[in-house]
Protein backbone atom coordinates (compact mmCIF):
# COMPACT_ATOMS: atom_id res chain seq x y z
CA MET A 1 222.76 74.67 39.12
CA PRO A 2 223.88 71.10 39.91
CA LYS A 3 222.34 68.20 38.05
CA ASN A 4 220.35 65.52 39.89
CA ASP A 5 223.25 63.08 39.67
CA ASP A 6 225.61 65.40 41.57
CA PRO A 7 226.80 63.70 44.78
CA TYR A 8 225.85 66.48 47.19
CA ILE A 9 222.13 66.32 46.44
CA ARG A 10 221.35 63.77 49.11
CA LEU A 11 218.16 64.61 51.00
CA ASN A 12 214.84 64.78 49.14
CA GLY A 13 216.49 66.79 46.40
CA ILE A 14 217.46 69.57 48.82
CA GLN A 15 220.51 71.46 47.70
CA GLY A 16 219.67 75.08 48.45
CA ASP A 17 221.42 76.61 45.46
CA SER A 18 218.37 78.16 43.81
CA LEU A 19 215.35 80.05 45.05
CA GLU A 20 212.96 77.15 44.50
CA ASP A 21 215.16 74.94 46.68
CA TYR A 22 214.94 77.38 49.58
CA SER A 23 211.21 76.76 49.95
CA THR A 24 211.90 73.02 50.32
CA VAL A 25 214.62 73.69 52.89
CA PHE A 26 212.35 76.14 54.74
CA ALA A 27 209.55 73.56 54.93
CA GLU A 28 211.94 70.86 56.14
CA ILE A 29 213.32 73.11 58.90
CA GLN A 30 209.80 74.11 59.93
CA LYS A 31 208.98 70.42 60.50
CA ILE A 32 212.14 69.97 62.60
CA LEU A 33 211.37 73.09 64.63
CA LYS A 34 207.77 72.01 65.34
CA LYS A 35 208.99 68.59 66.50
CA ASP A 36 212.10 69.57 68.50
CA VAL A 37 211.31 72.99 69.99
CA PRO A 38 207.54 73.63 69.87
CA GLN A 39 207.93 76.68 72.13
CA TYR A 40 209.39 78.52 69.11
CA ASP A 41 207.21 79.66 66.21
CA PRO A 42 208.05 78.19 62.77
CA GLN A 43 205.89 80.89 61.17
CA HIS A 44 208.33 83.51 62.48
CA MET A 45 211.58 81.92 61.39
CA TYR A 46 214.68 83.04 59.50
CA ILE A 47 217.10 80.66 57.77
CA GLU A 48 220.38 81.09 55.95
CA LYS A 49 223.12 78.82 54.69
CA GLN A 50 226.00 78.42 57.11
CA SER A 51 228.45 77.74 54.32
CA PHE A 52 228.53 77.92 50.56
CA HIS A 53 230.92 74.99 50.28
CA PRO A 54 229.14 72.20 48.34
CA ASP A 55 230.00 69.60 51.01
CA ASP A 56 228.09 71.66 53.62
CA TRP A 57 224.76 71.58 51.73
CA TYR A 58 222.97 70.27 54.85
CA LEU A 59 224.01 73.01 57.35
CA TRP A 60 221.69 75.97 57.89
CA SER A 61 221.45 78.68 60.54
CA VAL A 62 217.98 79.12 62.02
CA ALA A 63 216.44 81.81 64.20
CA ALA A 64 212.86 81.54 65.42
CA ARG A 65 210.74 83.72 67.68
CA LYS A 66 209.63 82.37 71.04
CA ARG A 67 205.84 81.95 71.20
CA SER A 68 205.48 83.25 74.76
CA ASP A 69 207.83 86.24 74.35
CA PRO A 70 208.12 87.92 70.93
CA ASP A 71 211.29 89.73 72.06
CA LYS A 72 213.17 86.42 72.52
CA TYR A 73 214.51 84.06 69.87
CA GLY A 74 216.18 80.70 69.61
CA VAL A 75 219.17 80.30 67.28
CA TRP A 76 220.41 76.90 66.08
CA THR A 77 222.33 75.02 63.46
CA ALA A 78 219.95 72.85 61.47
CA ASN A 79 221.56 69.69 60.15
CA LEU A 80 219.31 68.41 57.38
CA SER A 81 221.25 65.16 56.98
CA LEU A 82 220.38 64.30 60.61
CA SER A 83 217.01 66.14 60.69
CA GLY A 84 217.84 67.97 63.88
CA LEU A 85 218.76 71.27 65.53
CA TYR A 86 222.16 71.62 67.20
CA ASN A 87 224.29 74.19 69.08
CA GLY A 88 221.18 75.99 70.27
CA HIS A 89 220.99 79.32 72.03
CA TYR A 90 217.69 80.00 73.79
CA ASP A 91 215.94 83.18 74.92
CA VAL A 92 218.25 85.34 72.83
CA PRO A 93 217.15 89.00 72.88
CA VAL A 94 216.03 90.16 69.46
CA THR A 95 218.86 92.71 69.43
CA GLU A 96 221.46 89.91 69.69
CA VAL A 97 220.13 87.47 67.06
CA THR A 98 222.29 88.87 64.26
CA GLY A 99 225.43 88.38 66.33
CA PHE A 100 224.60 84.72 67.00
CA LEU A 101 223.88 84.14 63.30
CA ASN A 102 227.19 85.78 62.33
CA GLU A 103 229.05 83.40 64.68
CA LYS A 104 227.57 80.40 62.85
CA ARG A 105 228.70 81.45 59.37
CA ARG A 106 231.77 79.78 57.92
């Protein structure tokens, strides 16, 4: 695991390389989701790293269930360095979420 003086630990200690760091990342993305797309439920959310390259520490794929239709999801790239969601796909049928997530992986 990287030490605290490693250059790619830049945002509130988030690095995502150990299980304890994932809970911090999850909480940060939940805040972004609540603020940016409140129609999607942060309690029904899936996240994964988009890349395992150390310089991409801030990029995560996110899928969250739509509150008004549990068969629809939103899929985004979360950029933790900018605290935002990007390249969003909305009202994605649950059967297609995996395909959208696969497209985001590097």
